[in-house]
C-alpha atoms as a PDB file:
ATOM      1  CA  MET A   1     -97.148  84.267 -73.245  1.00  0.00           C
ATOM      2  CA  SER A   2     -94.012  82.639 -74.198  1.00  0.00           C
ATOM      3  CA  LEU A   3     -93.279  79.022 -73.495  1.00  0.00           C
ATOM      4  CA  ASP A   4     -89.857  77.760 -72.279  1.00  0.00           C
ATOM      5  CA  PRO A   5     -88.440  75.363 -74.674  1.00  0.00           C
ATOM      6  CA  ALA A   6     -88.488  71.764 -73.552  1.00  0.00           C
ATOM      7  CA  PRO A   7     -85.194  70.515 -72.073  1.00  0.00           C
ATOM      8  CA  SER A   8     -83.085  68.622 -74.465  1.00  0.00           C
ATOM      9  CA  ALA A   9     -82.802  64.862 -73.910  1.00  0.00           C
ATOM     10  CA  ASP A  10     -79.451  63.248 -72.838  1.00  0.00           C
ATOM     11  CA  PRO A  11     -77.554  61.974 -75.831  1.00  0.00           C
ATOM     12  CA  VAL A  12     -77.777  58.185 -76.274  1.00  0.00           C
ATOM     13  CA  GLU A  13     -74.506  56.358 -76.451  1.00  0.00           C
ATOM     14  CA  PRO A  14     -74.289  53.918 -79.265  1.00  0.00           C
ATOM     15  CA  VAL A  15     -74.290  50.210 -78.158  1.00  0.00           C
ATOM     16  CA  ALA A  16     -71.262  48.273 -79.271  1.00  0.00           C
ATOM     17  CA  ASP A  17     -71.725  45.086 -81.128  1.00  0.00           C
ATOM     18  CA  PRO A  18     -71.216  42.047 -78.934  1.00  0.00           C
ATOM     19  CA  VAL A  19     -67.804  40.382 -79.273  1.00  0.00           C
ATOM     20  CA  VAL A  20     -68.132  36.944 -80.592  1.00  0.00           C
ATOM     21  CA  ASN A  21     -65.452  34.396 -79.416  1.00  0.00           C
ATOM     22  CA  ASN A  22     -64.735  32.147 -82.302  1.00  0.00           C
ATOM     23  CA  ASP A  23     -61.889  30.215 -80.461  1.00  0.00           C
ATOM     24  CA  PRO A  24     -62.563  26.489 -79.959  1.00  0.00           C
ATOM     25  CA  PRO A  25     -63.289  25.465 -76.364  1.00  0.00           C
ATOM     26  CA  ALA A  26     -60.238  24.463 -74.216  1.00  0.00           C
ATOM     27  CA  ALA A  27     -59.619  20.759 -73.763  1.00  0.00           C
ATOM     28  CA  ASP A  28     -60.166  19.153 -70.351  1.00  0.00           C
ATOM     29  CA  PRO A  29     -56.926  19.129 -68.184  1.00  0.00           C
ATOM     30  CA  ALA A  30     -54.922  15.840 -67.980  1.00  0.00           C
ATOM     31  CA  PRO A  31     -55.647  13.795 -64.870  1.00  0.00           C
ATOM     32  CA  ALA A  32     -53.112  14.287 -61.967  1.00  0.00           C
ATOM     33  CA  ASP A  33     -50.571  11.531 -61.108  1.00  0.00           C
ATOM     34  CA  PRO A  34     -51.779   9.210 -58.344  1.00  0.00           C
ATOM     35  CA  PRO A  35     -50.207   9.868 -54.876  1.00  0.00           C
ATOM     36  CA  ALA A  36     -47.006   7.924 -54.140  1.00  0.00           C
ATOM     37  CA  ALA A  37     -47.409   4.817 -52.061  1.00  0.00           C
ATOM     38  CA  ASP A  38     -46.340   4.992 -48.379  1.00  0.00           C
ATOM     39  CA  PRO A  39     -42.687   3.857 -47.864  1.00  0.00           C
ATOM     40  CA  ALA A  40     -42.103   0.462 -46.309  1.00  0.00           C
ATOM     41  CA  PRO A  41     -41.664   0.744 -42.533  1.00  0.00           C
ATOM     42  CA  ALA A  42     -37.990   0.892 -41.509  1.00  0.00           C
ATOM     43  CA  ASP A  43     -36.511  -1.701 -39.195  1.00  0.00           C
ATOM     44  CA  PRO A  44     -36.843  -0.582 -35.587  1.00  0.00           C
ATOM     45  CA  PRO A  45     -33.516   0.707 -34.140  1.00  0.00           C
ATOM     46  CA  LYS A  46     -31.553  -1.870 -32.200  1.00  0.00           C
ATOM     47  CA  SER A  47     -31.553  -1.573 -28.409  1.00  0.00           C
ATOM     48  CA  PHE A  48     -28.311  -0.274 -26.923  1.00  0.00           C
ATOM     49  CA  PHE A  49     -28.293  -3.138 -24.473  1.00  0.00           C
ATOM     50  CA  GLY A  50     -29.323  -5.674 -27.083  1.00  0.00           C
ATOM     51  CA  ALA A  51     -26.312  -4.681 -29.153  1.00  0.00           C
ATOM     52  CA  ALA A  52     -23.855  -4.826 -26.252  1.00  0.00           C
ATOM     53  CA  PRO A  53     -20.775  -6.897 -27.110  1.00  0.00           C
ATOM     54  CA  GLU A  54     -19.718  -9.945 -25.170  1.00  0.00           C
ATOM     55  CA  ASN A  55     -16.954  -7.957 -23.510  1.00  0.00           C
ATOM     56  CA  TRP A  56     -19.283  -5.174 -22.372  1.00  0.00           C
ATOM     57  CA  ARG A  57     -17.894  -5.374 -18.816  1.00  0.00           C
ATOM     58  CA  GLN A  58     -14.335  -4.689 -19.946  1.00  0.00           C
ATOM     59  CA  ASP A  59     -15.570  -1.895 -22.246  1.00  0.00           C
ATOM     60  CA  ALA A  60     -17.398  -0.299 -19.325  1.00  0.00           C
ATOM     61  CA  VAL A  61     -14.313  -0.432 -17.093  1.00  0.00           C
ATOM     62  CA  ASP A  62     -12.090   0.934 -19.876  1.00  0.00           C
ATOM     63  CA  ASN A  63     -14.412   3.902 -20.342  1.00  0.00           C
ATOM     64  CA  MET A  64     -14.367   4.674 -16.629  1.00  0.00           C
ATOM     65  CA  ARG A  65     -10.736   5.733 -17.200  1.00  0.00           C
ATOM     66  CA  LEU A  66      -9.620   4.519 -13.792  1.00  0.00           C
ATOM     67  CA  ASN A  67      -5.985   5.436 -13.173  1.00  0.00           C
ATOM     68  CA  ASP A  68      -5.444   2.663 -10.644  1.00  0.00           C
ATOM     69  CA  PRO A  69      -5.075  -0.798 -12.276  1.00  0.00           C
ATOM     70  CA  GLU A  70      -6.105  -2.481  -9.032  1.00  0.00           C
ATOM     71  CA  ALA A  71      -9.269  -0.376  -8.855  1.00  0.00           C
ATOM     72  CA  ALA A  72     -10.056  -1.334 -12.465  1.00  0.00           C
ATOM     73  CA  THR A  73      -9.606  -5.010 -11.595  1.00  0.00           C
ATOM     74  CA  ARG A  74     -11.940  -4.676  -8.611  1.00  0.00           C
ATOM     75  CA  GLU A  75     -14.560  -2.914 -10.725  1.00  0.00           C
ATOM     76  CA  LEU A  76     -14.366  -5.612 -13.400  1.00  0.00           C
ATOM     77  CA  LYS A  77     -14.786  -8.262 -10.724  1.00  0.00           C
ATOM     78  CA  ARG A  78     -17.860  -6.420  -9.425  1.00  0.00           C
ATOM     79  CA  LEU A  79     -19.410  -6.271 -12.894  1.00  0.00           C
ATOM     80  CA  GLU A  80     -18.961 -10.008 -13.296  1.00  0.00           C
ATOM     81  CA  ARG A  81     -21.758 -10.444 -10.759  1.00  0.00           C
ATOM     82  CA  PHE A  82     -24.226  -9.150 -13.383  1.00  0.00           C
ATOM     83  CA  LYS A  83     -25.311 -11.343 -16.279  1.00  0.00           C
ATOM     84  CA  THR A  84     -26.349  -8.480 -18.559  1.00  0.00           C
ATOM     85  CA  PRO A  85     -25.919  -4.697 -18.819  1.00  0.00           C
ATOM     86  CA  GLN A  86     -29.610  -4.382 -17.939  1.00  0.00           C
ATOM     87  CA  ASP A  87     -28.987  -6.149 -14.625  1.00  0.00           C
ATOM     88  CA  TRP A  88     -26.128  -3.781 -13.882  1.00  0.00           C
ATOM     89  CA  LEU A  89     -28.287  -0.740 -14.707  1.00  0.00           C
ATOM     90  CA  LYS A  90     -31.175  -1.998 -12.582  1.00  0.00           C
ATOM     91  CA  ALA A  91     -28.911  -2.629  -9.596  1.00  0.00           C
ATOM     92  CA  THR A  92     -27.298   0.801  -9.934  1.00  0.00           C
ATOM     93  CA  HIS A  93     -30.691   2.496 -10.256  1.00  0.00           C
ATOM     94  CA  GLU A  94     -32.056   0.639  -7.249  1.00  0.00           C
ATOM     95  CA  ALA A  95     -29.018   1.509  -5.119  1.00  0.00           C
ATOM     96  CA  ASN A  96     -29.281   5.185  -6.066  1.00  0.00           C
ATOM     97  CA  ARG A  97     -32.997   5.180  -5.367  1.00  0.00           C
ATOM     98  CA  LYS A  98     -32.468   3.800  -1.902  1.00  0.00           C
ATOM     99  CA  ILE A  99     -29.706   6.292  -1.188  1.00  0.00           C
ATOM    100  CA  ARG A 100     -31.951   9.184  -2.291  1.00  0.00           C
ATOM    101  CA  ASN A 101     -34.789   7.880  -0.151  1.00  0.00           C
ATOM    102  CA  GLY A 102     -32.537   7.547   2.851  1.00  0.00           C
ATOM    103  CA  GLU A 103     -32.960   3.784   3.027  1.00  0.00           C
ATOM    104  CA  ILE A 104     -29.207   3.236   2.932  1.00  0.00           C
ATOM    105  CA  ALA A 105     -27.577   6.558   3.804  1.00  0.00           C
ATOM    106  CA  SER A 106     -29.347   6.551   7.120  1.00  0.00           C
ATOM    107  CA  GLY A 107     -27.591   3.326   8.052  1.00  0.00           C
ATOM    108  CA  LEU A 108     -28.673  -0.226   8.714  1.00  0.00           C
ATOM    109  CA  PRO A 109     -31.634  -1.095  10.869  1.00  0.00           C
ATOM    110  CA  GLU A 110     -30.908  -2.657  14.211  1.00  0.00           C
ATOM    111  CA  ASP A 111     -31.412  -6.196  12.964  1.00  0.00           C
ATOM    112  CA  PRO A 112     -30.918  -6.033   9.182  1.00  0.00           C
ATOM    113  CA  THR A 113     -31.947  -8.881   6.978  1.00  0.00           C
ATOM    114  CA  ASP A 114     -29.346 -10.585   4.830  1.00  0.00           C
ATOM    115  CA  GLU A 115     -30.694  -8.689   1.831  1.00  0.00           C
ATOM    116  CA  GLN A 116     -30.516  -5.309   3.593  1.00  0.00           C
ATOM    117  CA  LEU A 117     -26.977  -6.025   4.759  1.00  0.00           C
ATOM    118  CA  ALA A 118     -25.895  -7.079   1.273  1.00  0.00           C
ATOM    119  CA  GLU A 119     -27.404  -3.946  -0.274  1.00  0.00           C
ATOM    120  CA  TYR A 120     -25.765  -1.715   2.316  1.00  0.00           C
ATOM    121  CA  ARG A 121     -22.365  -3.262   1.743  1.00  0.00           C
ATOM    122  CA  GLU A 122     -22.765  -3.072  -2.020  1.00  0.00           C
ATOM    123  CA  ALA A 123     -23.632   0.616  -1.844  1.00  0.00           C
ATOM    124  CA  HIS A 124     -20.727   1.467   0.483  1.00  0.00           C
ATOM    125  CA  GLY A 125     -17.893  -0.485  -1.106  1.00  0.00           C
ATOM    126  CA  ILE A 126     -17.788  -3.163   1.584  1.00  0.00           C
ATOM    127  CA  PRO A 127     -16.895  -6.649   0.349  1.00  0.00           C
ATOM    128  CA  ALA A 128     -19.420  -9.423   0.768  1.00  0.00           C
ATOM    129  CA  GLU A 129     -16.920 -11.450   2.816  1.00  0.00           C
ATOM    130  CA  ALA A 130     -13.983 -10.541   5.043  1.00  0.00           C
ATOM    131  CA  THR A 131     -11.698 -12.348   2.603  1.00  0.00           C
ATOM    132  CA  GLY A 132     -12.875  -9.988  -0.135  1.00  0.00           C
ATOM    133  CA  TYR A 133     -10.875  -7.010   1.107  1.00  0.00           C
ATOM    134  CA  GLU A 134      -8.235  -5.939  -1.416  1.00  0.00           C
ATOM    135  CA  LEU A 135      -6.002  -3.557   0.480  1.00  0.00           C
ATOM    136  CA  ASP A 136      -4.025  -0.896  -1.350  1.00  0.00           C
ATOM    137  CA  LEU A 137      -0.944  -0.318   0.810  1.00  0.00           C
ATOM    138  CA  GLY A 138       1.017   1.696  -1.728  1.00  0.00           C
ATOM    139  CA  GLU A 139       3.300   0.847  -4.599  1.00  0.00           C
ATOM    140  CA  GLY A 140       5.905  -1.812  -3.904  1.00  0.00           C
ATOM    141  CA  VAL A 141       4.685  -2.640  -0.395  1.00  0.00           C
ATOM    142  CA  THR A 142       4.956  -6.354   0.412  1.00  0.00           C
ATOM    143  CA  LEU A 143       3.840  -7.695   3.759  1.00  0.00           C
ATOM    144  CA  SER A 144       5.975 -10.096   5.728  1.00  0.00           C
ATOM    145  CA  GLU A 145       4.433 -13.288   7.045  1.00  0.00           C
ATOM    146  CA  ALA A 146       4.055 -11.692  10.475  1.00  0.00           C
ATOM    147  CA  ASP A 147       2.445  -8.552   9.031  1.00  0.00           C
ATOM    148  CA  GLN A 148       0.059 -10.617   6.903  1.00  0.00           C
ATOM    149  CA  SER A 149      -0.969 -12.481  10.040  1.00  0.00           C
ATOM    150  CA  ILE A 150      -1.814  -9.135  11.662  1.00  0.00           C
ATOM    151  CA  VAL A 151      -3.913  -8.119   8.661  1.00  0.00           C
ATOM    152  CA  ASP A 152      -5.715 -11.468   8.601  1.00  0.00           C
ATOM    153  CA  THR A 153      -6.664 -10.897  12.225  1.00  0.00           C
ATOM    154  CA  MET A 154      -7.930  -7.367  11.562  1.00  0.00           C
ATOM    155  CA  LEU A 155     -10.082  -8.044   8.486  1.00  0.00           C
ATOM    156  CA  PRO A 156     -12.895 -10.053  10.147  1.00  0.00           C
ATOM    157  CA  ALA A 157     -13.300  -7.301  12.755  1.00  0.00           C
ATOM    158  CA  ALA A 158     -13.305  -4.631  10.037  1.00  0.00           C
ATOM    159  CA  HIS A 159     -15.922  -6.556   8.054  1.00  0.00           C
ATOM    160  CA  ALA A 160     -18.134  -7.031  11.086  1.00  0.00           C
ATOM    161  CA  ALA A 161     -17.983  -3.255  11.605  1.00  0.00           C
ATOM    162  CA  ASN A 162     -18.819  -2.670   7.903  1.00  0.00           C
ATOM    163  CA  ILE A 163     -15.646  -0.707   7.184  1.00  0.00           C
ATOM    164  CA  PRO A 164     -15.398   0.004   3.422  1.00  0.00           C
ATOM    165  CA  ASN A 165     -12.475  -1.359   1.442  1.00  0.00           C
ATOM    166  CA  ALA A 166     -11.085   2.124   0.754  1.00  0.00           C
ATOM    167  CA  ALA A 167     -11.197   3.081   4.434  1.00  0.00           C
ATOM    168  CA  MET A 168      -9.575  -0.193   5.485  1.00  0.00           C
ATOM    169  CA  SER A 169      -6.825   0.350   2.908  1.00  0.00           C
ATOM    170  CA  GLY A 170      -6.167   3.826   4.271  1.00  0.00           C
ATOM    171  CA  LEU A 171      -6.068   2.648   7.890  1.00  0.00           C
ATOM    172  CA  SER A 172      -3.769  -0.284   7.115  1.00  0.00           C
ATOM    173  CA  LYS A 173      -1.442   1.849   5.027  1.00  0.00           C
ATOM    174  CA  ALA A 174      -1.215   4.467   7.789  1.00  0.00           C
ATOM    175  CA  PHE A 175      -0.492   1.761  10.377  1.00  0.00           C
ATOM    176  CA  PHE A 176       2.365   0.153   8.451  1.00  0.00           C
ATOM    177  CA  GLU A 177       3.829   3.524   7.460  1.00  0.00           C
ATOM    178  CA  ALA A 178       3.789   4.645  11.102  1.00  0.00           C
ATOM    179  CA  ARG A 179       5.431   1.438  12.238  1.00  0.00           C
ATOM    180  CA  ALA A 180       8.142   1.701   9.552  1.00  0.00           C
ATOM    181  CA  ARG A 181       8.764   5.302  10.560  1.00  0.00           C
ATOM    182  CA  GLN A 182       8.986   4.245  14.203  1.00  0.00           C
ATOM    183  CA  ALA A 183      11.504   1.498  13.355  1.00  0.00           C
ATOM    184  CA  SER A 184      13.608   3.972  11.378  1.00  0.00           C
ATOM    185  CA  GLU A 185      13.607   6.457  14.250  1.00  0.00           C
ATOM    186  CA  ARG A 186      14.486   3.706  16.731  1.00  0.00           C
ATOM    187  CA  HIS A 187      17.413   2.573  14.557  1.00  0.00           C
ATOM    188  CA  ALA A 188      18.720   6.138  14.394  1.00  0.00           C
ATOM    189  CA  GLN A 189      18.429   6.449  18.179  1.00  0.00           C
ATOM    190  CA  ASP A 190      20.259   3.122  18.630  1.00  0.00           C
ATOM    191  CA  GLU A 191      23.191   4.516  16.660  1.00  0.00           C
ATOM    192  CA  LEU A 192      23.273   7.616  18.867  1.00  0.00           C
ATOM    193  CA  ASP A 193      23.055   5.468  22.026  1.00  0.00           C
ATOM    194  CA  LYS A 194      25.936   3.284  20.819  1.00  0.00           C
ATOM    195  CA  GLN A 195      28.143   6.294  20.209  1.00  0.00           C
ATOM    196  CA  ALA A 196      27.388   7.657  23.692  1.00  0.00           C
ATOM    197  CA  THR A 197      28.022   4.238  25.304  1.00  0.00           C
ATOM    198  CA  ASP A 198      31.316   3.742  23.460  1.00  0.00           C
ATOM    199  CA  LYS A 199      32.481   7.188  24.568  1.00  0.00           C
ATOM    200  CA  LEU A 200      31.628   6.510  28.208  1.00  0.00           C
ATOM    201  CA  LEU A 201      33.255   3.032  28.250  1.00  0.00           C
ATOM    202  CA  ARG A 202      36.336   4.250  26.419  1.00  0.00           C
ATOM    203  CA  GLU A 203      36.863   6.822  29.177  1.00  0.00           C
ATOM    204  CA  GLU A 204      36.222   4.193  31.867  1.00  0.00           C
ATOM    205  CA  TRP A 205      38.220   1.273  30.423  1.00  0.00           C
ATOM    206  CA  GLN A 206      41.090   3.285  28.973  1.00  0.00           C
ATOM    207  CA  SER A 207      43.603   0.834  27.429  1.00  0.00           C
ATOM    208  CA  ASP A 208      41.289  -2.142  28.084  1.00  0.00           C
ATOM    209  CA  PHE A 209      38.551  -0.721  25.857  1.00  0.00           C
ATOM    210  CA  GLN A 210      39.279  -2.883  22.813  1.00  0.00           C
ATOM    211  CA  ALA A 211      39.862  -6.039  24.874  1.00  0.00           C
ATOM    212  CA  ASN A 212      36.648  -5.581  26.849  1.00  0.00           C
ATOM    213  CA  THR A 213      34.731  -4.751  23.696  1.00  0.00           C
ATOM    214  CA  ASN A 214      35.955  -8.019  22.194  1.00  0.00           C
ATOM    215  CA  ILE A 215      34.893  -9.888  25.327  1.00  0.00           C
ATOM    216  CA  PHE A 216      31.370  -8.483  25.110  1.00  0.00           C
ATOM    217  CA  SER A 217      31.169  -9.278  21.394  1.00  0.00           C
ATOM    218  CA  ALA A 218      32.365 -12.832  22.101  1.00  0.00           C
ATOM    219  CA  PHE A 219      29.603 -13.217  24.685  1.00  0.00           C
ATOM    220  CA  VAL A 220      26.890 -12.090  22.244  1.00  0.00           C
ATOM    221  CA  ASP A 221      28.284 -14.191  19.378  1.00  0.00           C
ATOM    222  CA  GLY A 222      28.392 -17.228  21.640  1.00  0.00           C
ATOM    223  CA  LEU A 223      24.636 -17.142  22.271  1.00  0.00           C
ATOM    224  CA  PRO A 224      22.336 -19.462  20.275  1.00  0.00           C
ATOM    225  CA  GLU A 225      20.974 -17.702  17.213  1.00  0.00           C
ATOM    226  CA  ASP A 226      17.457 -17.227  18.593  1.00  0.00           C
ATOM    227  CA  ALA A 227      18.758 -15.980  21.931  1.00  0.00           C
ATOM    228  CA  ARG A 228      21.214 -13.665  20.193  1.00  0.00           C
ATOM    229  CA  GLN A 229      18.394 -12.082  18.216  1.00  0.00           C
ATOM    230  CA  GLU A 230      16.294 -11.747  21.356  1.00  0.00           C
ATOM    231  CA  PHE A 231      19.159 -10.120  23.277  1.00  0.00           C
ATOM    232  CA  SER A 232      19.805  -7.654  20.446  1.00  0.00           C
ATOM    233  CA  ASN A 233      16.145  -6.603  20.477  1.00  0.00           C
ATOM    234  CA  MET A 234      15.716  -6.361  24.267  1.00  0.00           C
ATOM    235  CA  ARG A 235      15.099  -2.864  25.594  1.00  0.00           C
ATOM    236  CA  GLY A 236      14.873  -1.204  28.957  1.00  0.00           C
ATOM    237  CA  PRO A 237      11.934   0.873  30.242  1.00  0.00           C
ATOM    238  CA  GLY A 238      13.234   3.984  28.471  1.00  0.00           C
ATOM    239  CA  GLY A 239      13.514   2.203  25.130  1.00  0.00           C
ATOM    240  CA  LYS A 240      17.315   1.923  25.147  1.00  0.00           C
ATOM    241  CA  GLY A 241      18.635  -1.410  23.909  1.00  0.00           C
ATOM    242  CA  LEU A 242      20.376  -3.582  26.494  1.00  0.00           C
ATOM    243  CA  ALA A 243      23.334  -3.880  24.132  1.00  0.00           C
ATOM    244  CA  ASN A 244      23.810  -0.113  24.541  1.00  0.00           C
ATOM    245  CA  ASN A 245      23.481  -0.068  28.325  1.00  0.00           C
ATOM    246  CA  PRO A 246      26.919   0.547  29.933  1.00  0.00           C
ATOM    247  CA  ALA A 247      25.906  -1.136  33.193  1.00  0.00           C
ATOM    248  CA  ILE A 248      24.787  -4.308  31.364  1.00  0.00           C
ATOM    249  CA  ILE A 249      27.957  -4.393  29.255  1.00  0.00           C
ATOM    250  CA  ASN A 250      30.199  -3.890  32.293  1.00  0.00           C
ATOM    251  CA  SER A 251      28.461  -6.679  34.195  1.00  0.00           C
ATOM    252  CA  ILE A 252      28.798  -9.141  31.319  1.00  0.00           C
ATOM    253  CA  VAL A 253      32.475  -8.321  30.763  1.00  0.00           C
ATOM    254  CA  ASP A 254      33.215  -8.720  34.475  1.00  0.00           C
ATOM    255  CA  LEU A 255      31.484 -12.114  34.603  1.00  0.00           C
ATOM    256  CA  MET A 256      33.302 -13.273  31.462  1.00  0.00           C
ATOM    257  CA  ARG A 257      36.691 -12.266  32.860  1.00  0.00           C
ATOM    258  CA  LYS A 258      36.049 -14.103  36.135  1.00  0.00           C
ATOM    259  CA  ALA A 259      34.803 -17.198  34.346  1.00  0.00           C
ATOM    260  CA  ASN A 260      37.760 -17.257  31.947  1.00  0.00           C
ATOM    261  CA  PRO A 261      40.847 -15.271  33.013  1.00  0.00           C
ATOM    262  CA  THR A 262      42.508 -16.029  29.661  1.00  0.00           C
ATOM    263  CA  ILE A 263      39.690 -14.598  27.596  1.00  0.00           C
ATOM    264  CA  THR A 264      41.630 -11.470  26.681  1.00  0.00           C
ATOM    265  CA  VAL A 265      44.611 -13.406  25.329  1.00  0.00           C
ATOM    266  CA  VAL A 266      43.151 -16.693  24.119  1.00  0.00           C
ATOM    267  CA  PRO A 267      40.080 -17.221  21.934  1.00  0.00           C
ATOM    268  CA  ALA A 268      36.962 -17.787  24.016  1.00  0.00           C
ATOM    269  CA  ASN A 269      36.240 -21.099  22.303  1.00  0.00           C
ATOM    270  CA  ASP A 270      39.748 -22.486  22.896  1.00  0.00           C
ATOM    271  CA  GLY A 271      39.409 -25.965  24.346  1.00  0.00           C
ATOM    272  CA  ASN A 272      42.799 -25.902  26.130  1.00  0.00           C
ATOM    273  CA  PRO A 273      43.783 -22.325  26.946  1.00  0.00           C
ATOM    274  CA  LEU A 274      46.707 -23.392  29.205  1.00  0.00           C
ATOM    275  CA  LYS A 275      48.422 -25.285  26.373  1.00  0.00           C
ATOM    276  CA  THR A 276      47.833 -22.377  23.995  1.00  0.00           C
ATOM    277  CA  ILE A 277      49.431 -19.943  26.462  1.00  0.00           C
ATOM    278  CA  ASP A 278      52.392 -22.257  27.148  1.00  0.00           C
ATOM    279  CA  ASP A 279      53.082 -22.749  23.433  1.00  0.00           C
ATOM    280  CA  GLU A 280      53.105 -19.014  22.741  1.00  0.00           C
ATOM    281  CA  LEU A 281      55.226 -18.258  25.827  1.00  0.00           C
ATOM    282  CA  ALA A 282      57.749 -20.855  24.707  1.00  0.00           C
ATOM    283  CA  SER A 283      58.080 -19.063  21.380  1.00  0.00           C
ATOM    284  CA  LEU A 284      58.564 -15.681  23.063  1.00  0.00           C
ATOM    285  CA  ASN A 285      61.057 -17.097  25.596  1.00  0.00           C
ATOM    286  CA  LYS A 286      63.093 -18.541  22.741  1.00  0.00           C
ATOM    287  CA  MET A 287      63.263 -15.094  21.099  1.00  0.00           C
ATOM    288  CA  MET A 288      64.295 -13.616  24.456  1.00  0.00           C
ATOM    289  CA  SER A 289      67.225 -16.070  24.825  1.00  0.00           C
ATOM    290  CA  ASP A 290      68.310 -16.506  21.180  1.00  0.00           C
ATOM    291  CA  GLU A 291      67.765 -12.939  19.906  1.00  0.00           C
ATOM    292  CA  PRO A 292      68.053 -10.581  22.892  1.00  0.00           C
ATOM    293  CA  ASP A 293      68.627  -7.477  20.743  1.00  0.00           C
ATOM    294  CA  LYS A 294      65.506  -8.141  18.739  1.00  0.00           C
ATOM    295  CA  TRP A 295      63.587  -8.931  21.913  1.00  0.00           C
ATOM    296  CA  TYR A 296      64.430  -5.675  23.668  1.00  0.00           C
ATOM    297  CA  LYS A 297      63.397  -3.696  20.612  1.00  0.00           C
ATOM    298  CA  ASP A 298      60.093  -5.532  20.146  1.00  0.00           C
ATOM    299  CA  GLN A 299      57.732  -3.733  22.542  1.00  0.00           C
ATOM    300  CA  ALA A 300      54.668  -5.594  21.221  1.00  0.00           C
ATOM    301  CA  ALA A 301      56.267  -8.966  21.961  1.00  0.00           C
ATOM    302  CA  GLN A 302      57.116  -7.868  25.482  1.00  0.00           C
ATOM    303  CA  GLN A 303      53.517  -6.654  26.062  1.00  0.00           C
ATOM    304  CA  ARG A 304      52.169  -9.925  24.746  1.00  0.00           C
ATOM    305  CA  TRP A 305      54.495 -11.890  27.092  1.00  0.00           C
ATOM    306  CA  ARG A 306      53.149  -9.920  30.077  1.00  0.00           C
ATOM    307  CA  GLU A 307      49.550 -10.552  29.062  1.00  0.00           C
ATOM    308  CA  LEU A 308      50.171 -14.283  28.684  1.00  0.00           C
ATOM    309  CA  THR A 309      51.962 -14.687  31.998  1.00  0.00           C
ATOM    310  CA  THR A 310      49.271 -12.674  33.821  1.00  0.00           C
ATOM    311  CA  ALA A 311      46.522 -14.786  32.280  1.00  0.00           C
ATOM    312  CA  LYS A 312      48.374 -18.009  33.185  1.00  0.00           C
ATOM    313  CA  ASP A 313      48.732 -16.917  36.783  1.00  0.00           C
ATOM    314  CA  LYS A 314      44.942 -16.454  36.994  1.00  0.00           C
ATOM    315  CA  LEU A 315      44.203 -19.968  35.793  1.00  0.00           C
ATOM    316  CA  PRO A 316      43.267 -22.459  38.502  1.00  0.00           C
ATOM    317  CA  ALA A 317      46.191 -24.659  39.534  1.00  0.00           C
END
């Protein structure tokens, strides 16, 4: 019986000689630099309000870029009520808060306290006093003494009704503009009335138109200054001036002629109309006798002689 040969053993790999490290050991690393010290704390930033200049009110108004110099002046005056910018900011914040909450926009209570009334007026542009209104009536508008008296009467009522300055300015401006427009229209109508009256009287008086016109003018000029102004401004129910009323003019001329028959030939203020007439008649009579040719050619002299003799005949004996 044959025997199988024994299996061959796995070949043995040779073991390498260990590697010997003959290098010297590495030195310990250098110690790290110590951490940098914390920087010194910086100065705290300055407060905006703490750094506000002395003229902070003017700076604030300038930066509002108000186009109206008067509005800028009013705003500057309002800011002068606050000692500091913080006070101004607090007041503005408080006013806005109350408006948002409806404490002001809803109006004043029935019996407001002085504080409530002051806050309401501050929020709505109403001056603290009636004398504080600064009306803007338009460029170049100057009130007469009479107009200023009207305004001074209106302002206390406006203040009591809590009318804002802007609204009062608008109302006053509209009033004076309407009155000026009315005066201009009335003046234009007076001119038209005068033309119509002159036309009617010229047709009625014919050749006496100029003489009668002079009589009426003499009457008006002879009035005291105050009365003359009053007469010039008097108007009838329809608005027509009495000086343009044909019936009034005719009545005055008729009365003047009856009171002074010489008024058409002698000045109304002549102290001795008879002597004046006699002196002028003597001169005309001399021309008639000394220069008959010249006299008969001078139609104006002849007409004047007739006027003088007629006036003299009407004088009381």
